[in-house]
Amino acid sequence: MAKVIATVGGVALKPGVSANRRWYTPEIIADAVTDVQKRLAAGETVSLTRLDPDGLSQLTHHAADDDSTRIIGRLTGMSLDEQGNARFTAALADTPHARTIASLLDTSDGEPAFLKGVSIRGY
C-alpha cells in the first residue's frame, strides 16, 4: 500500500467565472461533485486536477501532462458546501514531488501556506 504523508483539502471550484475565464454554474459544479463521488464509491482511484471524461489526475503542475512521476496523490473525498463550492480532500503520496507540495501547504509554523489553491484544469 502506498504511504500517505499528508492529507490536504480545500475548495476545488467555486460558482462563477474562474481565473482562466471559464464560467462554472452551480449546476455544473454539483454534477461534477456527484460524478466524482460515484467514482470514489465505486473504488476508482480518482485524483483532483482534471475533471474531464478521460479521468482525473493530481499532478504537480499543468505541464506535467502524462508524466507519472509528477503524480502527487489521490482524491479521497469531494462534497458540495452551502455556497455551492466543490470541496475536496486528498492524500499526498510519499514522493519527492508530493513532499515539495506538502511543504508549500504547511501552516504548522502559524504562517500562511505558500501554495494557495488548486487547478481543476477545466475544459
N, C-alpha and C. Protein backbone atom coordinates (compact mmCIF):
# COMPACT_ATOMS: atom_id res chain seq x y z
N MET A 1 0.84 -1.18 0.00
CA MET A 1 0.00 0.00 0.00
C MET A 1 0.89 1.24 0.00
N ALA A 2 0.45 2.25 -0.71
CA ALA A 2 1.20 3.50 -0.79
C ALA A 2 1.18 4.22 0.55
N LYS A 3 2.29 4.85 0.86
CA LYS A 3 2.41 5.61 2.10
C LYS A 3 1.87 7.02 1.87
N VAL A 4 1.00 7.45 2.79
CA VAL A 4 0.42 8.79 2.74
C VAL A 4 1.21 9.68 3.70
N ILE A 5 1.71 10.81 3.20
CA ILE A 5 2.49 11.71 4.06
C ILE A 5 1.66 12.87 4.58
N ALA A 6 0.53 13.17 3.94
CA ALA A 6 -0.30 14.29 4.39
C ALA A 6 -1.69 14.16 3.76
N THR A 7 -2.65 14.71 4.46
CA THR A 7 -3.99 14.84 3.91
C THR A 7 -4.25 16.33 3.78
N VAL A 8 -4.71 16.72 2.60
CA VAL A 8 -4.96 18.14 2.32
C VAL A 8 -6.40 18.31 1.86
N GLY A 9 -6.86 19.52 1.85
CA GLY A 9 -8.21 19.78 1.38
C GLY A 9 -8.46 21.25 1.18
N GLY A 10 -9.61 21.54 0.61
CA GLY A 10 -9.98 22.92 0.38
C GLY A 10 -11.04 23.01 -0.69
N VAL A 11 -11.16 24.19 -1.26
CA VAL A 11 -12.13 24.43 -2.33
C VAL A 11 -11.46 24.14 -3.66
N ALA A 12 -12.08 23.28 -4.45
CA ALA A 12 -11.57 22.97 -5.78
C ALA A 12 -12.17 23.87 -6.84
N LEU A 13 -13.42 24.29 -6.61
CA LEU A 13 -14.12 25.05 -7.64
C LEU A 13 -15.26 25.83 -7.00
N LYS A 14 -15.38 27.11 -7.40
CA LYS A 14 -16.45 27.98 -6.91
C LYS A 14 -17.34 28.38 -8.08
N PRO A 15 -18.63 28.59 -7.82
CA PRO A 15 -19.50 29.09 -8.89
C PRO A 15 -19.02 30.47 -9.37
N GLY A 16 -19.17 30.70 -10.65
CA GLY A 16 -18.77 31.98 -11.22
C GLY A 16 -17.72 31.81 -12.29
N VAL A 17 -17.04 32.89 -12.59
CA VAL A 17 -16.01 32.90 -13.62
C VAL A 17 -14.67 32.60 -12.96
N SER A 18 -13.96 31.61 -13.49
CA SER A 18 -12.69 31.20 -12.92
C SER A 18 -11.56 32.14 -13.34
N ALA A 19 -10.38 31.92 -12.78
CA ALA A 19 -9.21 32.73 -13.13
C ALA A 19 -8.86 32.63 -14.61
N ASN A 20 -9.19 31.49 -15.24
CA ASN A 20 -8.92 31.35 -16.68
C ASN A 20 -10.16 31.66 -17.52
N ARG A 21 -11.07 32.43 -16.94
CA ARG A 21 -12.26 32.98 -17.60
C ARG A 21 -13.26 31.93 -18.08
N ARG A 22 -13.36 30.84 -17.34
CA ARG A 22 -14.41 29.85 -17.62
C ARG A 22 -15.54 30.06 -16.63
N TRP A 23 -16.76 29.92 -17.12
CA TRP A 23 -17.94 30.13 -16.28
C TRP A 23 -18.44 28.80 -15.76
N TYR A 24 -18.50 28.66 -14.43
CA TYR A 24 -18.98 27.44 -13.78
C TYR A 24 -20.26 27.74 -13.02
N THR A 25 -21.36 27.15 -13.48
CA THR A 25 -22.64 27.34 -12.80
C THR A 25 -22.72 26.41 -11.60
N PRO A 26 -23.59 26.71 -10.64
CA PRO A 26 -23.78 25.80 -9.51
C PRO A 26 -24.19 24.39 -9.98
N GLU A 27 -24.96 24.31 -11.06
CA GLU A 27 -25.40 23.02 -11.58
C GLU A 27 -24.23 22.19 -12.13
N ILE A 28 -23.33 22.84 -12.86
CA ILE A 28 -22.16 22.16 -13.41
C ILE A 28 -21.29 21.63 -12.27
N ILE A 29 -21.09 22.45 -11.26
CA ILE A 29 -20.27 22.04 -10.13
C ILE A 29 -20.93 20.88 -9.38
N ALA A 30 -22.24 20.97 -9.14
CA ALA A 30 -22.96 19.89 -8.45
C ALA A 30 -22.86 18.59 -9.23
N ASP A 31 -22.99 18.65 -10.55
CA ASP A 31 -22.87 17.45 -11.39
C ASP A 31 -21.46 16.86 -11.30
N ALA A 32 -20.44 17.71 -11.30
CA ALA A 32 -19.06 17.23 -11.21
C ALA A 32 -18.82 16.56 -9.86
N VAL A 33 -19.33 17.16 -8.79
CA VAL A 33 -19.18 16.58 -7.45
C VAL A 33 -19.86 15.22 -7.39
N THR A 34 -21.08 15.13 -7.91
CA THR A 34 -21.80 13.85 -7.92
C THR A 34 -21.04 12.80 -8.70
N ASP A 35 -20.48 13.17 -9.85
CA ASP A 35 -19.70 12.23 -10.67
C ASP A 35 -18.50 11.71 -9.90
N VAL A 36 -17.76 12.61 -9.26
CA VAL A 36 -16.57 12.19 -8.52
C VAL A 36 -16.97 11.31 -7.34
N GLN A 37 -18.04 11.67 -6.63
CA GLN A 37 -18.49 10.85 -5.50
C GLN A 37 -18.84 9.43 -5.95
N LYS A 38 -19.50 9.30 -7.09
CA LYS A 38 -19.85 7.98 -7.62
C LYS A 38 -18.60 7.18 -7.95
N ARG A 39 -17.63 7.83 -8.55
CA ARG A 39 -16.39 7.16 -8.93
C ARG A 39 -15.62 6.71 -7.70
N LEU A 40 -15.58 7.54 -6.68
CA LEU A 40 -14.91 7.16 -5.43
C LEU A 40 -15.63 5.99 -4.77
N ALA A 41 -16.97 6.04 -4.74
CA ALA A 41 -17.76 4.96 -4.13
C ALA A 41 -17.56 3.64 -4.87
N ALA A 42 -17.29 3.72 -6.17
CA ALA A 42 -17.07 2.51 -6.98
C ALA A 42 -15.65 1.97 -6.81
N GLY A 43 -14.84 2.65 -6.01
CA GLY A 43 -13.49 2.17 -5.77
C GLY A 43 -12.46 2.67 -6.75
N GLU A 44 -12.86 3.61 -7.60
CA GLU A 44 -11.92 4.16 -8.57
C GLU A 44 -10.88 5.01 -7.84
N THR A 45 -9.65 4.96 -8.29
CA THR A 45 -8.64 5.87 -7.79
C THR A 45 -8.80 7.16 -8.56
N VAL A 46 -9.23 8.18 -7.88
CA VAL A 46 -9.55 9.45 -8.51
C VAL A 46 -8.67 10.53 -7.91
N SER A 47 -8.10 11.37 -8.75
CA SER A 47 -7.31 12.48 -8.27
C SER A 47 -7.91 13.78 -8.74
N LEU A 48 -7.28 14.89 -8.42
CA LEU A 48 -8.01 16.15 -8.48
C LEU A 48 -7.83 17.05 -9.68
N THR A 49 -6.73 17.17 -10.30
CA THR A 49 -6.54 18.29 -11.20
C THR A 49 -7.23 18.19 -12.54
N ARG A 50 -7.96 17.16 -12.80
CA ARG A 50 -8.58 17.05 -14.12
C ARG A 50 -10.00 16.53 -14.01
N LEU A 51 -10.99 17.38 -14.20
CA LEU A 51 -12.38 16.95 -14.20
C LEU A 51 -12.85 16.84 -15.64
N ASP A 52 -12.51 15.75 -16.28
CA ASP A 52 -12.93 15.54 -17.66
C ASP A 52 -13.27 14.06 -17.85
N PRO A 53 -13.89 13.70 -18.96
CA PRO A 53 -14.34 12.31 -19.15
C PRO A 53 -13.21 11.28 -19.17
N ASP A 54 -11.99 11.70 -19.48
CA ASP A 54 -10.88 10.75 -19.57
C ASP A 54 -10.31 10.35 -18.23
N GLY A 55 -10.64 11.06 -17.19
CA GLY A 55 -10.12 10.71 -15.88
C GLY A 55 -9.55 11.91 -15.15
N LEU A 56 -9.13 11.67 -13.93
CA LEU A 56 -8.64 12.74 -13.08
C LEU A 56 -7.26 12.40 -12.59
N SER A 57 -6.36 13.37 -12.59
CA SER A 57 -5.01 13.11 -12.10
C SER A 57 -4.54 14.28 -11.25
N GLN A 58 -4.00 14.01 -10.08
CA GLN A 58 -3.46 15.06 -9.23
C GLN A 58 -1.98 15.18 -9.54
N LEU A 59 -1.62 16.26 -10.20
CA LEU A 59 -0.27 16.45 -10.70
C LEU A 59 0.37 17.67 -10.05
N THR A 60 1.67 17.80 -10.22
CA THR A 60 2.39 18.93 -9.66
C THR A 60 2.05 20.25 -10.36
N HIS A 61 1.83 20.19 -11.67
CA HIS A 61 1.54 21.40 -12.43
C HIS A 61 0.95 21.02 -13.80
N HIS A 62 0.39 22.00 -14.49
CA HIS A 62 -0.29 21.76 -15.77
C HIS A 62 0.59 21.08 -16.81
N ALA A 63 1.82 21.50 -16.93
CA ALA A 63 2.68 20.96 -17.98
C ALA A 63 3.15 19.53 -17.69
N ALA A 64 2.78 18.97 -16.54
CA ALA A 64 3.19 17.60 -16.21
C ALA A 64 2.54 16.59 -17.14
N ASP A 65 1.39 16.95 -17.74
CA ASP A 65 0.67 16.09 -18.67
C ASP A 65 0.59 14.64 -18.19
N ASP A 66 1.16 13.71 -18.92
CA ASP A 66 1.06 12.29 -18.57
C ASP A 66 2.30 11.75 -17.87
N ASP A 67 3.12 12.62 -17.29
CA ASP A 67 4.33 12.20 -16.59
C ASP A 67 3.94 11.61 -15.24
N SER A 68 3.98 10.29 -15.12
CA SER A 68 3.57 9.61 -13.89
C SER A 68 4.41 9.99 -12.69
N THR A 69 5.64 10.44 -12.91
CA THR A 69 6.47 10.84 -11.78
C THR A 69 5.99 12.13 -11.15
N ARG A 70 5.08 12.82 -11.80
CA ARG A 70 4.53 14.08 -11.28
C ARG A 70 3.21 13.88 -10.56
N ILE A 71 2.71 12.65 -10.48
CA ILE A 71 1.51 12.38 -9.70
C ILE A 71 1.88 12.51 -8.23
N ILE A 72 1.12 13.29 -7.49
CA ILE A 72 1.46 13.52 -6.09
C ILE A 72 0.46 12.91 -5.11
N GLY A 73 -0.68 12.47 -5.57
CA GLY A 73 -1.65 11.91 -4.64
C GLY A 73 -2.95 11.54 -5.29
N ARG A 74 -3.94 11.26 -4.42
CA ARG A 74 -5.25 10.86 -4.92
C ARG A 74 -6.34 11.55 -4.12
N LEU A 75 -7.43 11.77 -4.77
CA LEU A 75 -8.60 12.37 -4.15
C LEU A 75 -9.23 11.34 -3.22
N THR A 76 -9.58 11.75 -2.01
CA THR A 76 -10.22 10.84 -1.07
C THR A 76 -11.66 11.23 -0.78
N GLY A 77 -12.03 12.45 -1.13
CA GLY A 77 -13.41 12.87 -0.91
C GLY A 77 -13.73 14.15 -1.65
N MET A 78 -15.00 14.32 -1.98
CA MET A 78 -15.47 15.55 -2.60
C MET A 78 -16.89 15.78 -2.14
N SER A 79 -17.19 17.04 -1.84
CA SER A 79 -18.53 17.39 -1.39
C SER A 79 -18.89 18.78 -1.89
N LEU A 80 -20.15 19.09 -1.75
CA LEU A 80 -20.69 20.39 -2.15
C LEU A 80 -21.03 21.14 -0.87
N ASP A 81 -20.49 22.34 -0.69
CA ASP A 81 -20.81 23.09 0.52
C ASP A 81 -22.04 23.99 0.32
N GLU A 82 -22.39 24.73 1.38
CA GLU A 82 -23.61 25.56 1.36
C GLU A 82 -23.58 26.64 0.30
N GLN A 83 -22.39 27.11 -0.09
CA GLN A 83 -22.25 28.15 -1.11
C GLN A 83 -22.17 27.59 -2.52
N GLY A 84 -22.26 26.26 -2.66
CA GLY A 84 -22.17 25.65 -3.98
C GLY A 84 -20.75 25.39 -4.44
N ASN A 85 -19.78 25.50 -3.52
CA ASN A 85 -18.38 25.22 -3.84
C ASN A 85 -18.13 23.72 -3.80
N ALA A 86 -17.28 23.24 -4.71
CA ALA A 86 -16.82 21.86 -4.66
C ALA A 86 -15.64 21.83 -3.71
N ARG A 87 -15.75 21.07 -2.62
CA ARG A 87 -14.68 20.93 -1.63
C ARG A 87 -14.07 19.54 -1.77
N PHE A 88 -12.75 19.44 -1.55
CA PHE A 88 -12.06 18.17 -1.72
C PHE A 88 -11.20 17.84 -0.52
N THR A 89 -10.92 16.55 -0.37
CA THR A 89 -9.84 16.08 0.48
C THR A 89 -8.99 15.16 -0.38
N ALA A 90 -7.70 15.16 -0.14
CA ALA A 90 -6.78 14.34 -0.93
C ALA A 90 -5.65 13.85 -0.05
N ALA A 91 -5.14 12.68 -0.39
CA ALA A 91 -3.98 12.11 0.29
C ALA A 91 -2.76 12.31 -0.58
N LEU A 92 -1.68 12.83 0.00
CA LEU A 92 -0.44 13.02 -0.73
C LEU A 92 0.47 11.81 -0.52
N ALA A 93 1.06 11.33 -1.60
CA ALA A 93 1.94 10.16 -1.58
C ALA A 93 3.33 10.53 -1.07
N ASP A 94 4.08 9.53 -0.69
CA ASP A 94 5.45 9.74 -0.23
C ASP A 94 6.38 9.72 -1.44
N THR A 95 6.39 10.83 -2.16
CA THR A 95 7.27 11.01 -3.32
C THR A 95 7.99 12.35 -3.16
N PRO A 96 9.09 12.55 -3.85
CA PRO A 96 9.78 13.83 -3.74
C PRO A 96 8.88 15.01 -4.13
N HIS A 97 8.11 14.87 -5.21
CA HIS A 97 7.26 15.97 -5.65
C HIS A 97 6.13 16.24 -4.67
N ALA A 98 5.55 15.19 -4.10
CA ALA A 98 4.48 15.38 -3.12
C ALA A 98 5.03 16.01 -1.85
N ARG A 99 6.24 15.66 -1.44
CA ARG A 99 6.84 16.29 -0.26
C ARG A 99 7.04 17.78 -0.50
N THR A 100 7.43 18.14 -1.72
CA THR A 100 7.57 19.56 -2.05
C THR A 100 6.23 20.28 -1.94
N ILE A 101 5.18 19.70 -2.53
CA ILE A 101 3.85 20.31 -2.45
C ILE A 101 3.38 20.39 -1.01
N ALA A 102 3.59 19.33 -0.23
CA ALA A 102 3.20 19.33 1.19
C ALA A 102 3.90 20.46 1.94
N SER A 103 5.18 20.68 1.64
CA SER A 103 5.90 21.75 2.33
C SER A 103 5.34 23.13 1.95
N LEU A 104 4.88 23.27 0.72
CA LEU A 104 4.29 24.54 0.29
C LEU A 104 2.91 24.78 0.91
N LEU A 105 2.27 23.71 1.38
CA LEU A 105 0.95 23.80 2.01
C LEU A 105 1.02 23.89 3.53
N ASP A 106 2.19 23.65 4.10
CA ASP A 106 2.38 23.56 5.55
C ASP A 106 2.12 24.90 6.24
N THR A 107 1.25 24.88 7.23
CA THR A 107 0.97 26.07 8.03
C THR A 107 1.28 25.82 9.51
N SER A 108 2.06 24.77 9.80
CA SER A 108 2.33 24.40 11.20
C SER A 108 3.11 25.46 11.97
N ASP A 109 3.77 26.38 11.26
CA ASP A 109 4.50 27.46 11.93
C ASP A 109 3.61 28.67 12.19
N GLY A 110 2.31 28.54 11.88
CA GLY A 110 1.39 29.64 12.08
C GLY A 110 1.37 30.65 10.95
N GLU A 111 2.19 30.45 9.96
CA GLU A 111 2.26 31.35 8.81
C GLU A 111 1.38 30.82 7.69
N PRO A 112 0.93 31.70 6.78
CA PRO A 112 0.11 31.25 5.66
C PRO A 112 0.87 30.29 4.75
N ALA A 113 0.13 29.42 4.08
CA ALA A 113 0.73 28.49 3.12
C ALA A 113 1.30 29.27 1.94
N PHE A 114 2.35 28.73 1.32
CA PHE A 114 2.93 29.34 0.13
C PHE A 114 2.08 29.04 -1.10
N LEU A 115 1.43 27.89 -1.11
CA LEU A 115 0.56 27.50 -2.21
C LEU A 115 -0.87 27.73 -1.75
N LYS A 116 -1.62 28.52 -2.51
CA LYS A 116 -2.94 28.93 -2.05
C LYS A 116 -4.11 28.25 -2.74
N GLY A 117 -3.90 27.50 -3.79
CA GLY A 117 -5.04 26.93 -4.48
C GLY A 117 -4.67 25.76 -5.35
N VAL A 118 -5.70 25.20 -5.95
CA VAL A 118 -5.54 24.08 -6.87
C VAL A 118 -6.18 24.45 -8.19
N SER A 119 -5.84 23.71 -9.20
CA SER A 119 -6.45 23.90 -10.52
C SER A 119 -7.15 22.62 -10.90
N ILE A 120 -8.34 22.73 -11.46
CA ILE A 120 -9.02 21.53 -11.95
C ILE A 120 -8.69 21.29 -13.42
N ARG A 121 -7.87 22.14 -13.98
CA ARG A 121 -7.54 22.05 -15.40
C ARG A 121 -8.81 21.88 -16.23
N GLY A 122 -9.77 22.71 -15.97
CA GLY A 122 -11.09 22.61 -16.59
C GLY A 122 -11.07 22.77 -18.09
N TYR A 123 -11.97 22.04 -18.73
CA TYR A 123 -12.10 22.09 -20.19
C TYR A 123 -13.47 22.59 -20.55
